[in-house]
Protein backbone atom coordinates (compact mmCIF):
# COMPACT_ATOMS: atom_id res chain seq x y z
CA MET A 1 0.00 0.00 0.00
CA LEU A 2 1.31 3.45 -0.96
CA LYS A 3 0.78 6.09 1.70
CA ALA A 4 0.47 9.81 1.02
CA LYS A 5 3.64 11.89 1.24
CA LYS A 6 2.40 15.44 1.33
CA ASN A 7 4.68 18.29 0.33
CA SER A 8 3.49 21.80 1.24
CA PHE A 9 5.36 23.48 -1.63
CA ILE A 10 3.91 21.08 -4.21
CA GLU A 11 0.44 21.54 -2.71
CA TRP A 12 0.82 25.31 -2.94
CA GLY A 13 1.76 25.13 -6.62
CA PHE A 14 -0.82 22.52 -7.56
CA SER A 15 -3.69 24.36 -5.89
CA ARG A 16 -2.98 27.41 -8.06
CA PHE A 17 -2.59 25.35 -11.24
CA ASN A 18 -5.77 23.43 -10.43
CA ARG A 19 -7.75 26.64 -9.86
CA PHE A 20 -6.61 28.00 -13.23
CA LEU A 21 -7.40 24.72 -15.01
CA LEU A 22 -10.93 24.45 -13.60
CA LYS A 23 -11.73 28.10 -14.28
CA SER A 24 -10.61 27.64 -17.89
CA GLN A 25 -12.78 24.58 -18.51
CA PHE A 26 -16.00 25.43 -16.66
CA LYS A 27 -18.21 28.48 -16.71
CA ARG A 28 -19.00 28.36 -13.00
CA ILE A 29 -18.28 26.05 -10.08
CA ASN A 30 -21.21 26.43 -7.70
CA ILE A 31 -21.31 25.32 -4.08
CA SER A 32 -24.19 24.85 -1.66
CA TYR A 33 -23.97 23.97 2.03
CA SER A 34 -25.62 24.81 5.34
CA THR A 35 -22.89 23.78 7.76
CA LEU A 36 -19.38 22.42 7.45
CA PRO A 37 -17.80 19.86 9.76
CA GLU A 38 -15.04 21.02 12.07
CA GLY A 39 -12.24 18.56 12.62
CA PRO A 40 -12.04 15.07 11.11
CA ALA A 41 -14.75 13.92 8.71
CA LEU A 42 -15.36 11.12 6.24
CA PHE A 43 -16.62 12.56 2.95
CA LEU A 44 -18.50 10.31 0.51
CA ILE A 45 -18.59 11.62 -3.09
CA ASN A 46 -20.29 10.31 -6.22
CA HIS A 47 -17.83 9.66 -9.04
CA SER A 48 -18.77 10.18 -12.70
CA THR A 49 -15.92 12.05 -14.43
CA TRP A 50 -12.17 12.49 -14.64
CA TRP A 51 -12.69 15.96 -13.15
CA ASP A 52 -14.06 14.79 -9.80
CA PRO A 53 -10.76 14.53 -7.86
CA LEU A 54 -9.74 18.00 -9.07
CA MET A 55 -13.12 19.40 -8.03
CA ILE A 56 -12.77 17.85 -4.60
CA TYR A 57 -9.24 19.20 -4.19
CA HIS A 58 -10.50 22.67 -5.13
CA LEU A 59 -13.45 22.35 -2.73
CA ASN A 60 -11.19 21.37 0.13
CA LYS A 61 -8.75 24.21 -0.49
CA GLU A 62 -11.38 26.92 -1.00
CA ILE A 63 -14.20 25.92 1.36
CA ILE A 64 -13.50 23.01 3.73
CA GLN A 65 -9.87 23.99 4.32
CA SER A 66 -8.93 20.75 6.03
CA ASP A 67 -5.85 18.56 6.03
CA GLY A 68 -7.43 16.28 3.46
CA TYR A 69 -6.45 12.87 2.09
CA GLY A 70 -8.06 10.79 -0.64
CA MET A 71 -8.04 7.24 -1.98
CA MET A 72 -6.70 6.63 -5.48
CA HIS A 73 -6.53 3.30 -7.32
CA GLU A 74 -3.10 1.69 -7.04
CA ASP A 75 -2.60 1.58 -10.83
CA GLY A 76 -3.26 5.29 -11.14
CA ILE A 77 -1.03 6.28 -8.26
CA ARG A 78 1.84 4.17 -9.64
CA ARG A 79 1.48 5.90 -13.01
CA PHE A 80 1.22 9.33 -11.43
CA PRO A 81 3.11 9.20 -8.08
CA PHE A 82 2.92 12.99 -7.96
CA PHE A 83 -0.56 12.67 -6.45
CA ARG A 84 0.91 11.21 -3.26
CA ARG A 85 2.48 14.64 -2.72
CA ILE A 86 -0.95 16.27 -2.52
CA GLY A 87 -2.60 13.71 -0.24
CA ALA A 88 -3.52 10.66 -2.34
CA PHE A 89 -2.95 7.13 -1.07
CA SER A 90 -3.46 3.84 -2.86
CA ILE A 91 -6.27 1.30 -2.76
CA ASN A 92 -6.58 -2.00 -4.60
CA THR A 93 -9.91 -3.75 -4.14
CA ASN A 94 -8.55 -6.89 -5.86
CA ASP A 95 -5.95 -7.40 -3.13
CA ARG A 96 -7.58 -8.06 0.25
CA ARG A 97 -4.43 -7.30 2.21
CA HIS A 98 -3.89 -4.03 0.36
CA LEU A 99 -7.55 -3.10 0.80
CA LEU A 100 -7.44 -3.67 4.54
CA GLN A 101 -4.25 -1.62 4.84
CA SER A 102 -5.90 1.27 2.96
CA LEU A 103 -9.00 1.16 5.15
CA ASN A 104 -6.94 1.09 8.35
CA TYR A 105 -4.77 3.93 7.02
CA SER A 106 -7.99 5.93 6.52
CA LYS A 107 -8.95 5.14 10.11
CA ALA A 108 -5.56 6.33 11.36
CA LEU A 109 -5.81 9.59 9.40
CA LEU A 110 -9.25 10.31 10.89
CA GLU A 111 -7.97 9.56 14.38
CA GLN A 112 -5.20 12.10 13.76
CA GLY A 113 -7.77 14.80 12.98
CA ARG A 114 -7.51 14.68 9.17
CA THR A 115 -10.35 14.43 6.67
CA VAL A 116 -10.67 11.48 4.29
CA TRP A 117 -12.34 11.84 0.89
CA ILE A 118 -13.68 8.68 -0.73
CA PHE A 119 -15.46 7.77 -3.96
CA PRO A 120 -17.47 4.82 -2.55
CA GLN A 121 -18.44 3.64 -6.05
CA GLY A 122 -14.81 2.64 -6.47
CA GLU A 123 -14.66 3.68 -10.11
CA GLU A 124 -16.27 6.14 -12.51
CA GLN A 125 -19.92 5.42 -13.25
CA HIS A 126 -22.28 7.38 -15.47
CA LEU A 127 -23.73 10.40 -13.70
CA GLU A 128 -27.29 9.12 -14.20
CA LYS A 129 -26.64 5.48 -13.28
CA ARG A 130 -28.70 4.20 -10.38
CA PRO A 131 -28.15 2.83 -7.85
CA LEU A 132 -24.75 4.31 -7.07
CA GLU A 133 -23.46 0.94 -5.80
CA PHE A 134 -21.13 1.74 -2.91
CA PHE A 135 -18.46 -0.69 -1.73
CA THR A 136 -18.59 -1.77 1.93
CA GLY A 137 -15.22 -0.26 2.85
CA VAL A 138 -16.92 3.01 3.80
CA ALA A 139 -18.96 1.18 6.44
CA TYR A 140 -15.78 -0.47 7.74
CA ILE A 141 -14.22 2.96 8.30
CA ALA A 142 -17.40 4.39 9.82
CA LYS A 143 -17.60 1.51 12.30
CA LYS A 144 -13.95 1.90 13.27
CA CYS A 145 -14.40 5.68 13.77
CA PRO A 146 -17.86 5.92 15.34
CA THR A 147 -17.50 9.55 16.46
CA VAL A 148 -16.34 10.87 13.07
CA PRO A 149 -19.12 12.52 11.02
CA VAL A 150 -19.98 10.96 7.66
CA VAL A 151 -20.82 13.65 5.12
CA PRO A 152 -22.26 13.02 1.63
CA ILE A 153 -21.07 15.30 -1.18
CA SER A 154 -22.84 15.40 -4.53
CA ILE A 155 -21.29 16.65 -7.78
CA TYR A 156 -23.42 17.34 -10.85
CA TYR A 157 -22.23 18.60 -14.25
CA SER A 158 -24.65 20.54 -16.43
CA PHE A 159 -24.63 22.19 -19.85
CA GLU A 160 -27.07 25.08 -19.65
CA HIS A 161 -27.16 28.42 -21.47
CA THR A 162 -23.42 28.83 -21.92
CA LYS A 163 -20.65 27.39 -24.06
CA LYS A 164 -18.86 25.85 -21.12
CA PRO A 165 -20.54 23.53 -18.61
CA ASN A 166 -21.36 24.45 -15.04
CA VAL A 167 -20.60 22.36 -11.97
CA TYR A 168 -22.81 22.13 -8.90
CA ILE A 169 -21.51 20.76 -5.62
CA LYS A 170 -23.74 20.04 -2.64
CA VAL A 171 -22.14 19.42 0.75
CA GLY A 172 -24.77 17.58 2.76
CA GLU A 173 -25.41 17.53 6.47
CA PRO A 174 -23.57 14.88 8.52
CA LEU A 175 -25.59 11.69 8.49
CA ASP A 176 -27.50 10.75 11.64
CA ARG A 177 -25.12 8.51 13.57
CA GLU A 178 -27.86 7.09 15.78
CA THR A 179 -29.71 5.85 12.70
CA TYR A 180 -26.85 3.83 11.21
CA SER A 181 -24.54 2.96 14.14
CA SER A 182 -26.35 -0.31 14.97
CA LEU A 183 -26.47 -1.54 11.36
CA ASN A 184 -24.15 -4.22 10.05
CA ARG A 185 -21.63 -3.33 7.33
CA LYS A 186 -23.86 -4.31 4.43
CA GLU A 187 -26.88 -2.46 5.84
CA MET A 188 -24.79 0.59 6.67
CA THR A 189 -23.36 0.66 3.15
CA ARG A 190 -26.88 0.60 1.67
CA TYR A 191 -27.91 3.36 4.06
CA PHE A 192 -25.03 5.57 2.91
CA GLU A 193 -25.75 4.67 -0.72
CA ASN A 194 -29.46 5.46 -0.50
CA LEU A 195 -29.00 8.84 1.18
CA SER A 196 -26.21 9.84 -1.21
CA THR A 197 -28.42 8.85 -4.16
CA GLU A 198 -31.31 10.86 -2.75
CA GLN A 199 -29.12 13.94 -2.29
CA LEU A 200 -27.73 13.64 -5.82
CA ASP A 201 -31.23 13.29 -7.31
CA GLN A 202 -32.43 16.32 -5.36
CA LEU A 203 -29.47 18.29 -6.66
CA ARG A 204 -30.31 17.27 -10.23
CA GLU A 205 -33.93 18.39 -9.81
CA THR A 206 -32.82 21.73 -8.41
CA ILE A 207 -30.58 22.31 -11.43
CA ILE A 208 -33.26 21.26 -13.92
CA LYS A 209 -35.62 23.78 -12.33
CA GLU A 210 -32.83 26.41 -12.53
CA ASP A 211 -33.29 27.13 -8.85
CA HIS A 212 -29.87 28.59 -8.11
CA GLN A 213 -30.67 30.60 -5.01
CA SER A 214 -28.86 28.29 -2.59
CA PHE A 215 -25.59 28.30 -4.57
CA ARG A 216 -22.63 30.59 -4.62
CA THR A 217 -19.71 30.54 -7.00
CA MET A 218 -16.33 29.29 -5.83
C-alpha cells in the first residue's frame, strides 16, 4: 500500500494550477452547504468524471480547508506518483491485504484529525446510473471511527445556457449517527448509498428547475 507523502510546496503550486485549469474549462463552479464539519470527517462523493478529484481538491482548499487525504486506485497512483504529494494514497480492491491496509490507514488519518475523501463507487460510473453501488469499505471505516461525522457530497455537471458547462456541488449535512450505528456493514453501506443517491437526485432536480438561489460561485 502506498501512503500519502504530502509536500506543502507542491500543494501550494498545484492548488494554483488546479484553480486555473478548472476556471478555464467550466463556466461556474457552484457550491451549496448549510454547515461544514469542524475537525475530522469522512466525505462520501459520487464519481462520474475524470474531473471529480480535481473538483474535490478545489473544494477542500477553497471551502473546507482541512488537512485532506483521498483514496486513489493503485494503478493510477503508480502511473502518477505525484498525487501522493498532494494527499492521495493507494487502494486496490482486488488485493484483500492491500484493501485492509488502505481502510486502516484511513482510520488512522481520521484519528489524527484529518479528513478522508472517498469515492465509494470505487470507479467512474455514469452520472445518471442508479443505484450508485457503494463498496462496503466506507462502512468499515465508519464503524472503526464511530464519532467521526460521515458527510455526503454530490457533484453534478450541467450544460445550460453557456458554451462551457457548469458544476454544482452540494455538501450535505452529517448523516445521523444514531440511525446507522447499529447496522451491520452491508446495511450501513446501503444506508449511505441510498442517502447519497437521494441527495444527488435532489441536486439534479434543483438544477433542472434552474433554482440557483442556494448556490454561490467558488
